[in-house]
Amino acid sequence: MQTVQDAAALRAVIRGWRGQGQTVGFVPTMGNLHAGHHSLIKLARARADRVVASVFVNPTQFGPNEDFERYPRTLAQDQVGLAEQGCDLLFAPEVATIYPFGAAHSVSIHVPQLTETLEGAHRPGHFDGVATVVCKLFNLVQPDLAVFGQKDFQQLKVIERMVRDLSLPVKIMAAPTQRAEDGLALSSRNQYLTPEERALAPQVQAVLQQMHELVGKGHAIPVVEQAAASKLARAGFDVDYAVIRRAEDLAEPAEGEREGLVALVAARLGRTRLIDNLPFD
């Protein structure tokens, strides 16, 4: 696997592949990679001739009180894992490559509606940063397809909407959430959990399963949401939301609506914020 840092070197490699008629799959990441990220590489590997991954801790998607500075940077370890999974090229740019005029003065992409609820409401500006950096990376790599994990469900929907609205020639593929044996969704932030918190963390997935079951039995969605939030709070979580939405656009479902739904939870354990979801179909 080759590693490049500048746009010219990245494009030179990809231009060579294109000259041979090869397709390109892309997996954008912020590094500190685990089995969940590796599953995205495997999916891209199965669907494209060549695979590019990026490692870039994007400053514009972190809020003023979030963990940008302490977000783990493990590039050497990430390179080993990517090579083992069959990645062909790692793009690890400096901030100046992505934001040549500085992050504060960058062109910004805003995806309306989808970004104004749930994570967008709790993390103002977060999805503007996500959409902007992903669009920049798509322009640099120009992939045929890009793979995103379903764990960040709202992010996936934002990227899908952006690609469709801007007519970007990229096929977006969703990869299933990878989980530990006890059901906890894999995340780079799980390492912040204390042993006691780690033992509690799988209750998020258990609550999502319970929400699914109760809705399937005909319980009213507001009642299910309240029961889920209360259960997590009693277990020691600080709950941001525990809701059921339409999977298509994250809108609140109409009364009696039962098809095409997804349950989503965001809650804190100590200093660690956990997010997870469960599509019902």
C-alpha atoms as a PDB file:
ATOM      1  CA  MET A   1       0.000   0.000   0.000  1.00  0.00           C
ATOM      2  CA  GLN A   2       1.218   3.461  -0.912  1.00  0.00           C
ATOM      3  CA  THR A   3       0.724   6.548   1.309  1.00  0.00           C
ATOM      4  CA  VAL A   4       0.550  10.075  -0.101  1.00  0.00           C
ATOM      5  CA  GLN A   5      -0.059  13.445   1.531  1.00  0.00           C
ATOM      6  CA  ASP A   6      -0.510  15.929  -1.312  1.00  0.00           C
ATOM      7  CA  ALA A   7      -3.183  16.242  -3.966  1.00  0.00           C
ATOM      8  CA  ALA A   8      -0.805  15.994  -6.940  1.00  0.00           C
ATOM      9  CA  ALA A   9       0.588  12.635  -5.820  1.00  0.00           C
ATOM     10  CA  LEU A  10      -2.910  11.327  -5.087  1.00  0.00           C
ATOM     11  CA  ARG A  11      -4.194  12.283  -8.510  1.00  0.00           C
ATOM     12  CA  ALA A  12      -1.134  10.892 -10.277  1.00  0.00           C
ATOM     13  CA  VAL A  13      -1.725   7.427  -8.818  1.00  0.00           C
ATOM     14  CA  ILE A  14      -5.437   7.490  -9.585  1.00  0.00           C
ATOM     15  CA  ARG A  15      -4.809   8.790 -13.096  1.00  0.00           C
ATOM     16  CA  GLY A  16      -2.640   5.731 -13.704  1.00  0.00           C
ATOM     17  CA  TRP A  17      -5.427   3.416 -12.576  1.00  0.00           C
ATOM     18  CA  ARG A  18      -7.964   5.212 -14.735  1.00  0.00           C
ATOM     19  CA  GLY A  19      -5.663   4.812 -17.711  1.00  0.00           C
ATOM     20  CA  GLN A  20      -5.929   1.059 -17.199  1.00  0.00           C
ATOM     21  CA  GLY A  21      -9.718   1.226 -17.070  1.00  0.00           C
ATOM     22  CA  GLN A  22      -9.907   0.451 -13.340  1.00  0.00           C
ATOM     23  CA  THR A  23     -12.690   1.560 -11.000  1.00  0.00           C
ATOM     24  CA  VAL A  24     -11.971   3.291  -7.684  1.00  0.00           C
ATOM     25  CA  GLY A  25     -13.652   2.755  -4.331  1.00  0.00           C
ATOM     26  CA  PHE A  26     -13.151   5.232  -1.498  1.00  0.00           C
ATOM     27  CA  VAL A  27     -13.428   5.043   2.301  1.00  0.00           C
ATOM     28  CA  PRO A  28     -13.008   8.389   4.108  1.00  0.00           C
ATOM     29  CA  THR A  29     -12.038   8.108   7.788  1.00  0.00           C
ATOM     30  CA  MET A  30     -10.617  10.131  10.659  1.00  0.00           C
ATOM     31  CA  GLY A  31      -8.192   7.352  11.544  1.00  0.00           C
ATOM     32  CA  ASN A  32      -7.807   5.361  14.766  1.00  0.00           C
ATOM     33  CA  LEU A  33      -9.184   2.504  12.718  1.00  0.00           C
ATOM     34  CA  HIS A  34     -10.889  -0.608  14.076  1.00  0.00           C
ATOM     35  CA  ALA A  35     -12.791  -3.602  12.691  1.00  0.00           C
ATOM     36  CA  GLY A  36     -15.728  -1.383  11.756  1.00  0.00           C
ATOM     37  CA  HIS A  37     -13.549   0.673   9.425  1.00  0.00           C
ATOM     38  CA  HIS A  38     -11.932  -2.469   8.072  1.00  0.00           C
ATOM     39  CA  SER A  39     -15.359  -3.800   7.083  1.00  0.00           C
ATOM     40  CA  LEU A  40     -15.806  -0.707   4.901  1.00  0.00           C
ATOM     41  CA  ILE A  41     -12.496  -1.430   3.161  1.00  0.00           C
ATOM     42  CA  LYS A  42     -13.607  -5.016   2.541  1.00  0.00           C
ATOM     43  CA  LEU A  43     -16.851  -3.853   0.954  1.00  0.00           C
ATOM     44  CA  ALA A  44     -15.040  -1.342  -1.251  1.00  0.00           C
ATOM     45  CA  ARG A  45     -12.514  -4.045  -2.171  1.00  0.00           C
ATOM     46  CA  ALA A  46     -15.356  -6.325  -3.295  1.00  0.00           C
ATOM     47  CA  ARG A  47     -16.980  -3.658  -5.471  1.00  0.00           C
ATOM     48  CA  ALA A  48     -14.050  -1.788  -7.050  1.00  0.00           C
ATOM     49  CA  ASP A  49     -10.741  -2.595  -8.744  1.00  0.00           C
ATOM     50  CA  ARG A  50      -8.780  -0.214  -6.498  1.00  0.00           C
ATOM     51  CA  VAL A  51      -9.410   1.103  -3.000  1.00  0.00           C
ATOM     52  CA  VAL A  52      -8.404   4.470  -1.567  1.00  0.00           C
ATOM     53  CA  ALA A  53      -8.782   5.334   2.118  1.00  0.00           C
ATOM     54  CA  SER A  54      -8.237   8.726   3.683  1.00  0.00           C
ATOM     55  CA  VAL A  55      -7.174   9.529   7.231  1.00  0.00           C
ATOM     56  CA  PHE A  56      -7.918  13.119   8.157  1.00  0.00           C
ATOM     57  CA  VAL A  57      -9.096  14.455  11.519  1.00  0.00           C
ATOM     58  CA  ASN A  58     -11.360  17.186  10.230  1.00  0.00           C
ATOM     59  CA  PRO A  59     -11.358  20.286  12.449  1.00  0.00           C
ATOM     60  CA  THR A  60     -14.541  21.789  11.025  1.00  0.00           C
ATOM     61  CA  GLN A  61     -16.821  19.023  12.291  1.00  0.00           C
ATOM     62  CA  PHE A  62     -15.787  19.423  15.939  1.00  0.00           C
ATOM     63  CA  GLY A  63     -17.567  21.898  18.188  1.00  0.00           C
ATOM     64  CA  PRO A  64     -15.712  24.246  20.584  1.00  0.00           C
ATOM     65  CA  ASN A  65     -16.149  21.885  23.554  1.00  0.00           C
ATOM     66  CA  GLU A  66     -15.587  18.625  21.692  1.00  0.00           C
ATOM     67  CA  ASP A  67     -12.611  16.298  21.530  1.00  0.00           C
ATOM     68  CA  PHE A  68     -10.657  17.480  18.453  1.00  0.00           C
ATOM     69  CA  GLU A  69      -7.365  17.848  20.323  1.00  0.00           C
ATOM     70  CA  ARG A  70      -7.614  14.524  22.106  1.00  0.00           C
ATOM     71  CA  TYR A  71      -9.006  12.578  19.169  1.00  0.00           C
ATOM     72  CA  PRO A  72      -6.496   9.719  18.808  1.00  0.00           C
ATOM     73  CA  ARG A  73      -4.022   9.980  15.929  1.00  0.00           C
ATOM     74  CA  THR A  74      -2.633   6.510  15.139  1.00  0.00           C
ATOM     75  CA  LEU A  75      -1.429   6.767  11.552  1.00  0.00           C
ATOM     76  CA  ALA A  76       1.281   4.083  11.731  1.00  0.00           C
ATOM     77  CA  GLN A  77      -1.152   1.583  13.226  1.00  0.00           C
ATOM     78  CA  ASP A  78      -3.799   2.579  10.690  1.00  0.00           C
ATOM     79  CA  GLN A  79      -1.395   1.987   7.799  1.00  0.00           C
ATOM     80  CA  VAL A  80      -0.774  -1.577   8.941  1.00  0.00           C
ATOM     81  CA  GLY A  81      -4.475  -2.353   9.263  1.00  0.00           C
ATOM     82  CA  LEU A  82      -5.377  -0.827   5.906  1.00  0.00           C
ATOM     83  CA  ALA A  83      -2.620  -2.739   4.132  1.00  0.00           C
ATOM     84  CA  GLU A  84      -3.830  -5.980   5.700  1.00  0.00           C
ATOM     85  CA  GLN A  85      -7.357  -5.319   4.420  1.00  0.00           C
ATOM     86  CA  GLY A  86      -6.189  -4.772   0.856  1.00  0.00           C
ATOM     87  CA  CYS A  87      -6.263  -0.989   0.631  1.00  0.00           C
ATOM     88  CA  ASP A  88      -4.213   0.216  -2.343  1.00  0.00           C
ATOM     89  CA  LEU A  89      -3.647   3.864  -1.444  1.00  0.00           C
ATOM     90  CA  LEU A  90      -3.833   5.893   1.764  1.00  0.00           C
ATOM     91  CA  PHE A  91      -4.375   9.637   1.477  1.00  0.00           C
ATOM     92  CA  ALA A  92      -3.248  11.330   4.710  1.00  0.00           C
ATOM     93  CA  PRO A  93      -3.360  15.072   3.974  1.00  0.00           C
ATOM     94  CA  GLU A  94      -2.324  17.989   6.129  1.00  0.00           C
ATOM     95  CA  VAL A  95      -4.973  20.540   7.114  1.00  0.00           C
ATOM     96  CA  ALA A  96      -3.540  23.036   4.598  1.00  0.00           C
ATOM     97  CA  THR A  97      -4.183  20.580   1.762  1.00  0.00           C
ATOM     98  CA  ILE A  98      -7.871  20.327   2.580  1.00  0.00           C
ATOM     99  CA  TYR A  99      -8.321  23.938   3.701  1.00  0.00           C
ATOM    100  CA  PRO A 100      -5.821  26.041   1.707  1.00  0.00           C
ATOM    101  CA  PHE A 101      -7.311  29.303   3.034  1.00  0.00           C
ATOM    102  CA  GLY A 102      -7.667  27.976   6.583  1.00  0.00           C
ATOM    103  CA  ALA A 103     -10.562  26.075   8.091  1.00  0.00           C
ATOM    104  CA  ALA A 104     -12.237  29.259   9.328  1.00  0.00           C
ATOM    105  CA  HIS A 105     -12.284  30.745   5.813  1.00  0.00           C
ATOM    106  CA  SER A 106     -13.262  27.663   3.847  1.00  0.00           C
ATOM    107  CA  VAL A 107     -16.223  27.399   1.515  1.00  0.00           C
ATOM    108  CA  SER A 108     -18.872  25.593   3.546  1.00  0.00           C
ATOM    109  CA  ILE A 109     -21.585  23.186   2.380  1.00  0.00           C
ATOM    110  CA  HIS A 110     -24.883  23.159   4.235  1.00  0.00           C
ATOM    111  CA  VAL A 111     -27.411  20.383   3.667  1.00  0.00           C
ATOM    112  CA  PRO A 112     -30.749  21.766   4.878  1.00  0.00           C
ATOM    113  CA  GLN A 113     -33.461  19.917   6.804  1.00  0.00           C
ATOM    114  CA  LEU A 114     -31.568  16.701   7.494  1.00  0.00           C
ATOM    115  CA  THR A 115     -28.872  18.541   9.449  1.00  0.00           C
ATOM    116  CA  GLU A 116     -31.223  20.489  11.689  1.00  0.00           C
ATOM    117  CA  THR A 117     -32.411  17.655  13.907  1.00  0.00           C
ATOM    118  CA  LEU A 118     -30.939  15.027  16.256  1.00  0.00           C
ATOM    119  CA  GLU A 119     -27.128  15.277  15.950  1.00  0.00           C
ATOM    120  CA  GLY A 120     -27.469  18.574  14.129  1.00  0.00           C
ATOM    121  CA  ALA A 121     -29.474  20.071  16.976  1.00  0.00           C
ATOM    122  CA  HIS A 122     -27.022  18.853  19.628  1.00  0.00           C
ATOM    123  CA  ARG A 123     -23.885  19.635  17.609  1.00  0.00           C
ATOM    124  CA  PRO A 124     -24.520  22.848  15.646  1.00  0.00           C
ATOM    125  CA  GLY A 125     -22.337  23.110  12.563  1.00  0.00           C
ATOM    126  CA  HIS A 126     -21.163  19.500  12.782  1.00  0.00           C
ATOM    127  CA  PHE A 127     -22.765  18.345   9.548  1.00  0.00           C
ATOM    128  CA  ASP A 128     -21.627  21.442   7.667  1.00  0.00           C
ATOM    129  CA  GLY A 129     -18.095  20.324   8.486  1.00  0.00           C
ATOM    130  CA  VAL A 130     -18.840  16.736   7.476  1.00  0.00           C
ATOM    131  CA  ALA A 131     -20.485  17.663   4.176  1.00  0.00           C
ATOM    132  CA  THR A 132     -17.719  20.126   3.320  1.00  0.00           C
ATOM    133  CA  VAL A 133     -14.818  17.763   3.954  1.00  0.00           C
ATOM    134  CA  VAL A 134     -16.490  14.817   2.214  1.00  0.00           C
ATOM    135  CA  CYS A 135     -17.223  16.944  -0.845  1.00  0.00           C
ATOM    136  CA  LYS A 136     -13.597  18.131  -0.896  1.00  0.00           C
ATOM    137  CA  LEU A 137     -12.351  14.558  -0.620  1.00  0.00           C
ATOM    138  CA  PHE A 138     -14.694  13.403  -3.391  1.00  0.00           C
ATOM    139  CA  ASN A 139     -13.285  16.144  -5.620  1.00  0.00           C
ATOM    140  CA  LEU A 140      -9.733  15.071  -4.821  1.00  0.00           C
ATOM    141  CA  VAL A 141     -10.204  11.304  -5.188  1.00  0.00           C
ATOM    142  CA  GLN A 142     -13.037  11.310  -7.766  1.00  0.00           C
ATOM    143  CA  PRO A 143     -14.126   7.788  -6.835  1.00  0.00           C
ATOM    144  CA  ASP A 144     -16.730   5.656  -8.561  1.00  0.00           C
ATOM    145  CA  LEU A 145     -18.121   4.590  -5.206  1.00  0.00           C
ATOM    146  CA  ALA A 146     -17.690   5.511  -1.557  1.00  0.00           C
ATOM    147  CA  VAL A 147     -18.546   3.419   1.498  1.00  0.00           C
ATOM    148  CA  PHE A 148     -19.995   4.765   4.757  1.00  0.00           C
ATOM    149  CA  GLY A 149     -21.061   2.861   7.858  1.00  0.00           C
ATOM    150  CA  GLN A 150     -24.685   2.754   8.992  1.00  0.00           C
ATOM    151  CA  LYS A 151     -23.612   3.396  12.587  1.00  0.00           C
ATOM    152  CA  ASP A 152     -23.520   7.111  11.750  1.00  0.00           C
ATOM    153  CA  PHE A 153     -26.988   6.885  10.237  1.00  0.00           C
ATOM    154  CA  GLN A 154     -27.727  10.592  10.025  1.00  0.00           C
ATOM    155  CA  GLN A 155     -24.312  11.265   8.498  1.00  0.00           C
ATOM    156  CA  LEU A 156     -25.025   8.625   5.852  1.00  0.00           C
ATOM    157  CA  LYS A 157     -28.313  10.322   4.968  1.00  0.00           C
ATOM    158  CA  VAL A 158     -26.654  13.744   4.801  1.00  0.00           C
ATOM    159  CA  ILE A 159     -23.990  12.445   2.405  1.00  0.00           C
ATOM    160  CA  GLU A 160     -26.584  10.708   0.241  1.00  0.00           C
ATOM    161  CA  ARG A 161     -28.614  13.930   0.037  1.00  0.00           C
ATOM    162  CA  MET A 162     -25.550  16.041  -0.762  1.00  0.00           C
ATOM    163  CA  VAL A 163     -24.429  13.700  -3.543  1.00  0.00           C
ATOM    164  CA  ARG A 164     -27.866  13.673  -5.122  1.00  0.00           C
ATOM    165  CA  ASP A 165     -28.431  17.414  -4.784  1.00  0.00           C
ATOM    166  CA  LEU A 166     -25.007  18.372  -6.198  1.00  0.00           C
ATOM    167  CA  SER A 167     -25.177  15.663  -8.899  1.00  0.00           C
ATOM    168  CA  LEU A 168     -21.862  14.197  -7.806  1.00  0.00           C
ATOM    169  CA  PRO A 169     -20.915  11.100  -9.865  1.00  0.00           C
ATOM    170  CA  VAL A 170     -20.325   8.896  -6.804  1.00  0.00           C
ATOM    171  CA  LYS A 171     -22.313   5.833  -5.774  1.00  0.00           C
ATOM    172  CA  ILE A 172     -22.814   5.804  -1.987  1.00  0.00           C
ATOM    173  CA  MET A 173     -22.806   2.378  -0.363  1.00  0.00           C
ATOM    174  CA  ALA A 174     -23.966   1.717   3.191  1.00  0.00           C
ATOM    175  CA  ALA A 175     -22.119  -0.886   5.272  1.00  0.00           C
ATOM    176  CA  PRO A 176     -23.783  -2.610   8.254  1.00  0.00           C
ATOM    177  CA  THR A 177     -22.779  -1.528  11.755  1.00  0.00           C
ATOM    178  CA  GLN A 178     -20.050  -3.724  13.213  1.00  0.00           C
ATOM    179  CA  ARG A 179     -20.534  -4.716  16.850  1.00  0.00           C
ATOM    180  CA  ALA A 180     -18.664  -6.262  19.734  1.00  0.00           C
ATOM    181  CA  GLU A 181     -19.929  -9.635  20.957  1.00  0.00           C
ATOM    182  CA  ASP A 182     -22.096  -7.933  23.585  1.00  0.00           C
ATOM    183  CA  GLY A 183     -23.795  -5.708  20.980  1.00  0.00           C
ATOM    184  CA  LEU A 184     -21.926  -2.434  21.491  1.00  0.00           C
ATOM    185  CA  ALA A 185     -21.381  -0.646  18.172  1.00  0.00           C
ATOM    186  CA  LEU A 186     -17.674  -0.343  17.415  1.00  0.00           C
ATOM    187  CA  SER A 187     -16.390   3.221  17.700  1.00  0.00           C
ATOM    188  CA  SER A 188     -13.055   4.940  18.185  1.00  0.00           C
ATOM    189  CA  ARG A 189     -14.570   6.719  21.172  1.00  0.00           C
ATOM    190  CA  ASN A 190     -15.297   3.452  23.020  1.00  0.00           C
ATOM    191  CA  GLN A 191     -11.714   3.500  24.298  1.00  0.00           C
ATOM    192  CA  TYR A 192     -12.641   6.459  26.505  1.00  0.00           C
ATOM    193  CA  LEU A 193     -15.061   4.279  28.505  1.00  0.00           C
ATOM    194  CA  THR A 194     -13.995   3.134  31.965  1.00  0.00           C
ATOM    195  CA  PRO A 195     -14.404  -0.600  32.680  1.00  0.00           C
ATOM    196  CA  GLU A 196     -17.611   0.132  34.588  1.00  0.00           C
ATOM    197  CA  GLU A 197     -18.979   2.273  31.746  1.00  0.00           C
ATOM    198  CA  ARG A 198     -17.981  -0.322  29.159  1.00  0.00           C
ATOM    199  CA  ALA A 199     -20.068  -2.901  31.033  1.00  0.00           C
ATOM    200  CA  LEU A 200     -23.106  -0.590  30.846  1.00  0.00           C
ATOM    201  CA  ALA A 201     -22.637   0.551  27.256  1.00  0.00           C
ATOM    202  CA  PRO A 202     -24.372  -2.431  25.534  1.00  0.00           C
ATOM    203  CA  GLN A 203     -27.640  -1.300  27.088  1.00  0.00           C
ATOM    204  CA  VAL A 204     -27.923   1.199  24.231  1.00  0.00           C
ATOM    205  CA  GLN A 205     -28.326  -1.640  21.734  1.00  0.00           C
ATOM    206  CA  ALA A 206     -30.672  -3.479  24.103  1.00  0.00           C
ATOM    207  CA  VAL A 207     -32.902  -0.400  24.332  1.00  0.00           C
ATOM    208  CA  LEU A 208     -32.949  -0.049  20.535  1.00  0.00           C
ATOM    209  CA  GLN A 209     -34.070  -3.671  20.238  1.00  0.00           C
ATOM    210  CA  GLN A 210     -36.792  -3.047  22.817  1.00  0.00           C
ATOM    211  CA  MET A 211     -37.996   0.021  20.877  1.00  0.00           C
ATOM    212  CA  HIS A 212     -38.257  -2.117  17.758  1.00  0.00           C
ATOM    213  CA  GLU A 213     -40.211  -4.813  19.558  1.00  0.00           C
ATOM    214  CA  LEU A 214     -42.649  -2.397  21.193  1.00  0.00           C
ATOM    215  CA  VAL A 215     -43.403  -0.575  17.964  1.00  0.00           C
ATOM    216  CA  GLY A 216     -43.944  -3.944  16.283  1.00  0.00           C
ATOM    217  CA  LYS A 217     -46.512  -4.775  18.960  1.00  0.00           C
ATOM    218  CA  GLY A 218     -48.417  -1.593  18.189  1.00  0.00           C
ATOM    219  CA  HIS A 219     -47.352   0.650  21.064  1.00  0.00           C
ATOM    220  CA  ALA A 220     -47.556   4.380  20.404  1.00  0.00           C
ATOM    221  CA  ILE A 221     -44.242   5.798  19.269  1.00  0.00           C
ATOM    222  CA  PRO A 222     -44.120   8.695  21.798  1.00  0.00           C
ATOM    223  CA  VAL A 223     -44.681   6.201  24.619  1.00  0.00           C
ATOM    224  CA  VAL A 224     -41.923   3.944  23.290  1.00  0.00           C
ATOM    225  CA  GLU A 225     -39.523   6.887  23.048  1.00  0.00           C
ATOM    226  CA  GLN A 226     -40.239   8.025  26.599  1.00  0.00           C
ATOM    227  CA  ALA A 227     -39.794   4.502  27.970  1.00  0.00           C
ATOM    228  CA  ALA A 228     -36.448   4.149  26.164  1.00  0.00           C
ATOM    229  CA  ALA A 229     -35.103   7.469  27.467  1.00  0.00           C
ATOM    230  CA  SER A 230     -36.240   6.659  31.001  1.00  0.00           C
ATOM    231  CA  LYS A 231     -34.635   3.225  30.945  1.00  0.00           C
ATOM    232  CA  LEU A 232     -31.295   4.631  29.822  1.00  0.00           C
ATOM    233  CA  ALA A 233     -31.441   7.427  32.380  1.00  0.00           C
ATOM    234  CA  ARG A 234     -32.106   4.955  35.199  1.00  0.00           C
ATOM    235  CA  ALA A 235     -29.073   2.964  34.068  1.00  0.00           C
ATOM    236  CA  GLY A 236     -26.836   6.031  34.414  1.00  0.00           C
ATOM    237  CA  PHE A 237     -26.857   7.501  30.904  1.00  0.00           C
ATOM    238  CA  ASP A 238     -27.248  11.190  30.180  1.00  0.00           C
ATOM    239  CA  VAL A 239     -29.657  10.937  27.238  1.00  0.00           C
ATOM    240  CA  ASP A 240     -29.593  13.418  24.352  1.00  0.00           C
ATOM    241  CA  TYR A 241     -32.318  11.619  22.433  1.00  0.00           C
ATOM    242  CA  ALA A 242     -34.011   8.243  22.034  1.00  0.00           C
ATOM    243  CA  VAL A 243     -36.363   8.572  19.093  1.00  0.00           C
ATOM    244  CA  ILE A 244     -38.021   6.813  16.189  1.00  0.00           C
ATOM    245  CA  ARG A 245     -37.916   8.534  12.814  1.00  0.00           C
ATOM    246  CA  ARG A 246     -38.520   7.840   9.163  1.00  0.00           C
ATOM    247  CA  ALA A 247     -35.356   6.318   7.770  1.00  0.00           C
ATOM    248  CA  GLU A 248     -35.717   8.199   4.488  1.00  0.00           C
ATOM    249  CA  ASP A 249     -35.608  11.764   5.807  1.00  0.00           C
ATOM    250  CA  LEU A 250     -35.447  11.515   9.636  1.00  0.00           C
ATOM    251  CA  ALA A 251     -38.850  13.186   9.906  1.00  0.00           C
ATOM    252  CA  GLU A 252     -41.213  12.244  12.716  1.00  0.00           C
ATOM    253  CA  PRO A 253     -43.505   9.424  11.542  1.00  0.00           C
ATOM    254  CA  ALA A 254     -47.202  10.034  11.150  1.00  0.00           C
ATOM    255  CA  GLU A 255     -49.593   8.450  13.618  1.00  0.00           C
ATOM    256  CA  GLY A 256     -49.918   4.759  12.812  1.00  0.00           C
ATOM    257  CA  GLU A 257     -46.914   4.749  10.465  1.00  0.00           C
ATOM    258  CA  ARG A 258     -44.901   1.559  10.944  1.00  0.00           C
ATOM    259  CA  GLU A 259     -42.903   1.010   7.740  1.00  0.00           C
ATOM    260  CA  GLY A 260     -39.466   2.391   6.874  1.00  0.00           C
ATOM    261  CA  LEU A 261     -38.582   3.500  10.404  1.00  0.00           C
ATOM    262  CA  VAL A 262     -35.346   3.686  12.369  1.00  0.00           C
ATOM    263  CA  ALA A 263     -34.684   4.039  16.105  1.00  0.00           C
ATOM    264  CA  LEU A 264     -31.816   6.336  17.064  1.00  0.00           C
ATOM    265  CA  VAL A 265     -30.115   6.938  20.411  1.00  0.00           C
ATOM    266  CA  ALA A 266     -27.441   9.353  21.569  1.00  0.00           C
ATOM    267  CA  ALA A 267     -26.406   9.260  25.221  1.00  0.00           C
ATOM    268  CA  ARG A 268     -23.384   9.968  27.368  1.00  0.00           C
ATOM    269  CA  LEU A 269     -21.617   7.694  29.808  1.00  0.00           C
ATOM    270  CA  GLY A 270     -19.153   9.797  31.764  1.00  0.00           C
ATOM    271  CA  ARG A 271     -17.172  11.788  29.184  1.00  0.00           C
ATOM    272  CA  THR A 272     -18.028   9.457  26.295  1.00  0.00           C
ATOM    273  CA  ARG A 273     -20.906  10.117  23.931  1.00  0.00           C
ATOM    274  CA  LEU A 274     -22.377   6.991  22.346  1.00  0.00           C
ATOM    275  CA  ILE A 275     -24.606   6.946  19.274  1.00  0.00           C
ATOM    276  CA  ASP A 276     -26.357   3.962  17.726  1.00  0.00           C
ATOM    277  CA  ASN A 277     -29.382   3.114  15.644  1.00  0.00           C
ATOM    278  CA  LEU A 278     -31.555   0.241  14.496  1.00  0.00           C
ATOM    279  CA  PRO A 279     -33.413   0.317  11.145  1.00  0.00           C
ATOM    280  CA  PHE A 280     -36.665  -1.587  11.561  1.00  0.00           C
ATOM    281  CA  ASP A 281     -36.848  -3.113   8.069  1.00  0.00           C
END
